[in-house]
């Protein structure tokens, strides 16, 4: 993972090895946090995984919720609302 002038909003490990960070996509570690892979195909602020494969990501700026069923590689939009 590269170092940027930014911050991460959350980190979660679903077991002893697999963890996730939500920020402009999802960062995933499969080796206890030693290495991280970035899946940047969504814009989000937070993510929450219920296991290694199924997770949700939220973007509060445009009120969207995304769902992944393959560990953060792909996402589908499950909710999108617009506030005026």
N, C-alpha and C. Protein backbone atom coordinates (compact mmCIF):
# COMPACT_ATOMS: atom_id res chain seq x y z
N UNK A 1 0.85 -1.17 0.00
CA UNK A 1 0.00 0.00 0.00
C UNK A 1 0.89 1.23 0.00
N UNK A 2 0.54 2.18 -0.83
CA UNK A 2 1.28 3.43 -0.87
C UNK A 2 0.85 4.33 0.27
N UNK A 3 1.72 5.24 0.64
CA UNK A 3 1.40 6.21 1.67
C UNK A 3 0.93 7.49 1.00
N UNK A 4 -0.23 7.97 1.38
CA UNK A 4 -0.80 9.19 0.84
C UNK A 4 -1.12 10.13 1.98
N UNK A 5 -1.30 11.39 1.64
CA UNK A 5 -1.69 12.38 2.63
C UNK A 5 -3.21 12.28 2.80
N UNK A 6 -3.65 11.23 3.50
CA UNK A 6 -5.06 10.97 3.68
C UNK A 6 -5.27 10.19 4.96
N UNK A 7 -6.48 9.82 5.24
CA UNK A 7 -6.78 9.05 6.43
C UNK A 7 -7.76 7.94 6.06
N UNK A 8 -7.75 6.89 6.82
CA UNK A 8 -8.68 5.80 6.63
C UNK A 8 -9.75 5.89 7.70
N UNK A 9 -11.00 5.61 7.32
CA UNK A 9 -12.11 5.81 8.23
C UNK A 9 -12.46 4.58 9.05
N UNK A 10 -12.06 3.40 8.59
CA UNK A 10 -12.36 2.21 9.39
C UNK A 10 -11.47 1.06 8.98
N UNK A 11 -11.27 0.14 9.88
CA UNK A 11 -10.53 -1.08 9.60
C UNK A 11 -11.24 -2.21 10.34
N UNK A 12 -11.33 -3.36 9.68
CA UNK A 12 -12.06 -4.48 10.25
C UNK A 12 -11.40 -5.78 9.80
N UNK A 13 -11.18 -6.68 10.73
CA UNK A 13 -10.73 -8.02 10.41
C UNK A 13 -11.88 -8.99 10.67
N UNK A 14 -12.17 -9.84 9.67
CA UNK A 14 -13.27 -10.78 9.81
C UNK A 14 -12.81 -12.12 10.37
N UNK A 15 -11.49 -12.34 10.40
CA UNK A 15 -10.91 -13.52 11.03
C UNK A 15 -9.45 -13.20 11.34
N UNK A 16 -8.66 -14.18 11.67
CA UNK A 16 -7.26 -13.94 12.05
C UNK A 16 -6.40 -13.39 10.92
N UNK A 17 -6.79 -13.60 9.67
CA UNK A 17 -5.96 -13.21 8.54
C UNK A 17 -6.54 -12.13 7.65
N UNK A 18 -7.85 -12.12 7.44
CA UNK A 18 -8.46 -11.28 6.42
C UNK A 18 -9.05 -10.01 7.03
N UNK A 19 -8.60 -8.87 6.50
CA UNK A 19 -9.08 -7.58 6.98
C UNK A 19 -9.40 -6.64 5.85
N UNK A 20 -10.19 -5.61 6.15
CA UNK A 20 -10.64 -4.64 5.16
C UNK A 20 -10.52 -3.23 5.72
N UNK A 21 -10.23 -2.28 4.83
CA UNK A 21 -10.26 -0.85 5.14
C UNK A 21 -11.10 -0.20 4.05
N UNK A 22 -12.05 0.64 4.44
CA UNK A 22 -12.86 1.36 3.46
C UNK A 22 -12.38 2.77 3.28
N UNK A 23 -12.04 3.13 2.04
CA UNK A 23 -11.68 4.51 1.70
C UNK A 23 -11.40 4.57 0.20
N UNK A 24 -12.22 5.28 -0.56
CA UNK A 24 -12.07 5.37 -2.02
C UNK A 24 -11.84 4.00 -2.62
N UNK A 25 -12.76 3.11 -2.37
CA UNK A 25 -12.61 1.71 -2.71
C UNK A 25 -12.40 0.93 -1.43
N UNK A 26 -11.89 -0.26 -1.57
CA UNK A 26 -11.65 -1.10 -0.40
C UNK A 26 -10.25 -1.66 -0.48
N UNK A 27 -9.56 -1.59 0.62
CA UNK A 27 -8.26 -2.25 0.76
C UNK A 27 -8.49 -3.56 1.48
N UNK A 28 -7.89 -4.64 0.98
CA UNK A 28 -8.07 -5.95 1.58
C UNK A 28 -6.72 -6.59 1.85
N UNK A 29 -6.58 -7.14 3.04
CA UNK A 29 -5.40 -7.91 3.40
C UNK A 29 -5.82 -9.35 3.65
N UNK A 30 -5.05 -10.28 3.13
CA UNK A 30 -5.32 -11.70 3.37
C UNK A 30 -4.21 -12.32 4.21
N UNK A 31 -3.29 -11.48 4.71
CA UNK A 31 -2.14 -11.99 5.46
C UNK A 31 -1.88 -11.22 6.75
N UNK A 32 -2.94 -11.01 7.50
CA UNK A 32 -2.87 -10.37 8.82
C UNK A 32 -2.39 -8.92 8.78
N UNK A 33 -2.59 -8.26 7.65
CA UNK A 33 -2.24 -6.84 7.55
C UNK A 33 -0.86 -6.57 7.02
N UNK A 34 -0.10 -7.58 6.64
CA UNK A 34 1.24 -7.33 6.11
C UNK A 34 1.21 -6.69 4.73
N UNK A 35 0.28 -7.10 3.89
CA UNK A 35 0.12 -6.56 2.54
C UNK A 35 -1.34 -6.23 2.30
N UNK A 36 -1.57 -5.22 1.47
CA UNK A 36 -2.93 -4.77 1.19
C UNK A 36 -3.13 -4.63 -0.31
N UNK A 37 -4.28 -5.05 -0.79
CA UNK A 37 -4.65 -4.91 -2.19
C UNK A 37 -5.82 -3.93 -2.28
N UNK A 38 -5.77 -3.03 -3.26
CA UNK A 38 -6.80 -2.00 -3.39
C UNK A 38 -7.75 -2.35 -4.52
N UNK A 39 -9.05 -2.34 -4.21
CA UNK A 39 -10.09 -2.48 -5.21
C UNK A 39 -10.80 -1.14 -5.26
N UNK A 40 -10.55 -0.36 -6.29
CA UNK A 40 -11.01 1.02 -6.33
C UNK A 40 -12.16 1.29 -7.25
N UNK A 41 -13.04 0.32 -7.45
CA UNK A 41 -14.11 0.53 -8.41
C UNK A 41 -15.38 1.14 -7.80
N UNK A 42 -15.32 1.63 -6.57
CA UNK A 42 -16.43 2.34 -5.96
C UNK A 42 -15.90 3.55 -5.20
N UNK A 43 -16.77 4.49 -4.96
CA UNK A 43 -16.43 5.64 -4.10
C UNK A 43 -17.16 5.41 -2.80
N UNK A 44 -16.42 5.32 -1.72
CA UNK A 44 -17.06 5.05 -0.44
C UNK A 44 -16.27 5.68 0.70
N UNK A 45 -16.90 5.72 1.85
CA UNK A 45 -16.26 6.23 3.06
C UNK A 45 -16.01 5.11 4.06
N UNK A 46 -16.88 4.13 4.10
CA UNK A 46 -16.78 3.05 5.08
C UNK A 46 -17.17 1.73 4.44
N UNK A 47 -16.69 0.65 5.04
CA UNK A 47 -17.15 -0.67 4.61
C UNK A 47 -17.30 -1.56 5.84
N UNK A 48 -18.13 -2.56 5.70
CA UNK A 48 -18.35 -3.54 6.75
C UNK A 48 -18.55 -4.90 6.09
N UNK A 49 -17.75 -5.88 6.47
CA UNK A 49 -17.86 -7.23 5.93
C UNK A 49 -18.39 -8.17 7.00
N UNK A 50 -19.32 -9.05 6.60
CA UNK A 50 -19.85 -10.03 7.53
C UNK A 50 -19.08 -11.34 7.48
N UNK A 51 -18.28 -11.52 6.43
CA UNK A 51 -17.36 -12.65 6.30
C UNK A 51 -16.33 -12.29 5.23
N UNK A 52 -15.53 -13.23 4.79
CA UNK A 52 -14.47 -12.93 3.82
C UNK A 52 -15.00 -12.48 2.47
N UNK A 53 -16.23 -12.82 2.14
CA UNK A 53 -16.76 -12.52 0.82
C UNK A 53 -17.83 -11.44 0.78
N UNK A 54 -18.71 -11.40 1.76
CA UNK A 54 -19.87 -10.52 1.70
C UNK A 54 -19.63 -9.26 2.52
N UNK A 55 -19.75 -8.12 1.84
CA UNK A 55 -19.56 -6.86 2.53
C UNK A 55 -20.38 -5.75 1.93
N UNK A 56 -20.49 -4.68 2.68
CA UNK A 56 -21.25 -3.50 2.28
C UNK A 56 -20.35 -2.28 2.41
N UNK A 57 -20.55 -1.33 1.50
CA UNK A 57 -19.79 -0.08 1.55
C UNK A 57 -20.76 1.08 1.38
N UNK A 58 -20.53 2.14 2.13
CA UNK A 58 -21.43 3.29 2.10
C UNK A 58 -20.69 4.56 1.71
N UNK A 59 -21.38 5.39 0.94
CA UNK A 59 -20.87 6.70 0.60
C UNK A 59 -21.89 7.71 1.06
N UNK A 60 -21.57 8.43 2.11
CA UNK A 60 -22.49 9.40 2.67
C UNK A 60 -22.66 10.65 1.84
N UNK A 61 -21.71 10.94 0.95
CA UNK A 61 -21.79 12.16 0.15
C UNK A 61 -22.94 12.11 -0.84
N UNK A 62 -23.18 10.95 -1.45
CA UNK A 62 -24.26 10.84 -2.41
C UNK A 62 -25.24 9.74 -2.02
N UNK A 63 -25.20 9.32 -0.77
CA UNK A 63 -26.15 8.37 -0.19
C UNK A 63 -26.31 7.09 -0.99
N UNK A 64 -25.21 6.37 -1.15
CA UNK A 64 -25.27 5.09 -1.85
C UNK A 64 -24.75 3.98 -0.94
N UNK A 65 -25.27 2.78 -1.17
CA UNK A 65 -24.77 1.60 -0.49
C UNK A 65 -24.46 0.56 -1.57
N UNK A 66 -23.29 -0.02 -1.49
CA UNK A 66 -22.84 -1.04 -2.42
C UNK A 66 -22.69 -2.36 -1.69
N UNK A 67 -22.80 -3.47 -2.43
CA UNK A 67 -22.64 -4.79 -1.84
C UNK A 67 -21.65 -5.60 -2.69
N UNK A 68 -20.77 -6.33 -2.01
CA UNK A 68 -19.86 -7.25 -2.67
C UNK A 68 -20.10 -8.66 -2.15
N UNK A 69 -20.02 -9.63 -3.05
CA UNK A 69 -20.13 -11.04 -2.64
C UNK A 69 -18.87 -11.81 -2.99
N UNK A 70 -17.82 -11.09 -3.40
CA UNK A 70 -16.56 -11.76 -3.73
C UNK A 70 -15.35 -11.05 -3.11
N UNK A 71 -15.49 -10.66 -1.87
CA UNK A 71 -14.38 -10.10 -1.12
C UNK A 71 -13.94 -8.71 -1.53
N UNK A 72 -14.82 -7.93 -2.14
CA UNK A 72 -14.50 -6.56 -2.49
C UNK A 72 -14.00 -6.36 -3.90
N UNK A 73 -13.90 -7.42 -4.68
CA UNK A 73 -13.42 -7.28 -6.06
C UNK A 73 -14.45 -6.56 -6.92
N UNK A 74 -15.70 -6.98 -6.83
CA UNK A 74 -16.79 -6.36 -7.58
C UNK A 74 -17.88 -5.90 -6.63
N UNK A 75 -18.60 -4.85 -7.05
CA UNK A 75 -19.64 -4.27 -6.22
C UNK A 75 -20.88 -4.00 -7.06
N UNK A 76 -22.05 -4.14 -6.43
CA UNK A 76 -23.30 -3.73 -7.05
C UNK A 76 -23.93 -2.66 -6.18
N UNK A 77 -24.63 -1.74 -6.80
CA UNK A 77 -25.30 -0.68 -6.08
C UNK A 77 -26.65 -1.21 -5.60
N UNK A 78 -26.85 -1.22 -4.28
CA UNK A 78 -28.11 -1.72 -3.73
C UNK A 78 -29.01 -0.60 -3.22
N UNK A 79 -28.51 0.61 -3.09
CA UNK A 79 -29.34 1.74 -2.66
C UNK A 79 -28.70 3.04 -3.13
N UNK A 80 -29.51 3.88 -3.70
CA UNK A 80 -29.03 5.22 -4.08
C UNK A 80 -30.16 6.19 -3.89
N UNK A 81 -29.94 7.21 -3.09
CA UNK A 81 -30.95 8.25 -2.87
C UNK A 81 -30.31 9.60 -3.12
N UNK A 82 -31.10 10.54 -3.48
CA UNK A 82 -30.64 11.92 -3.70
C UNK A 82 -31.43 12.84 -2.79
N UNK A 83 -30.73 13.69 -2.10
CA UNK A 83 -31.37 14.68 -1.24
C UNK A 83 -31.12 16.06 -1.84
N UNK A 84 -32.15 16.88 -1.85
CA UNK A 84 -32.02 18.22 -2.41
C UNK A 84 -31.95 19.22 -1.29
